[in-house]
């Protein structure tokens, strides 16, 4: 039977995904999905691994920003105002536990913390051109997320009046917020 290193990589990926799925099923079976909170939510093995090690081997010498998912959205018209965005974050985003918790690897759990939206939502000065927008995005995405607060940020990048490009919102979140597998 012919086996190359690529086959091993595929097999390892399948085994890792299967282990994560089985672990999640067992976790939900044992702990259950009780609505009553009994303290910090435990971290899964995959979440902790993604937070501590990233998804690439150390030999790859990749920067810590590789474990951050960046999503830029351009608006056809103008982006919503800051008050509407803050309201949306409070009502929708923060209803998901992980967006209001920090990982605590000592206790293998997610610890709830008070959220100050101004520490997560940033507004840029208006940008004059598409090149300025691209430079601003590149500068932002090359900075790791701070680990002392929930692992997400939103950057509002408005276009200057009369500029050719559109308003942009850049959403950044750590890969571990999605169990490290999404």
Foldseek 3Di string as FASTA:
>chain_A
DDDDVVNVVVVVVVVVVVVLVVQVVVCCVVVNPDPDDPFFAAAGPLLVCCVPPNPDHVVVVDDPLVQKDKDKDFDPAADDDPVVVVVCCVVPVVVQPLQQFAQDVVVRGTHGDDDDLVVAEEEDDADQEPVSVVVVVVVVSNDAADRVGRFKHKYWHQHDVPHPGGTMIMIMGGCSSVVVPD
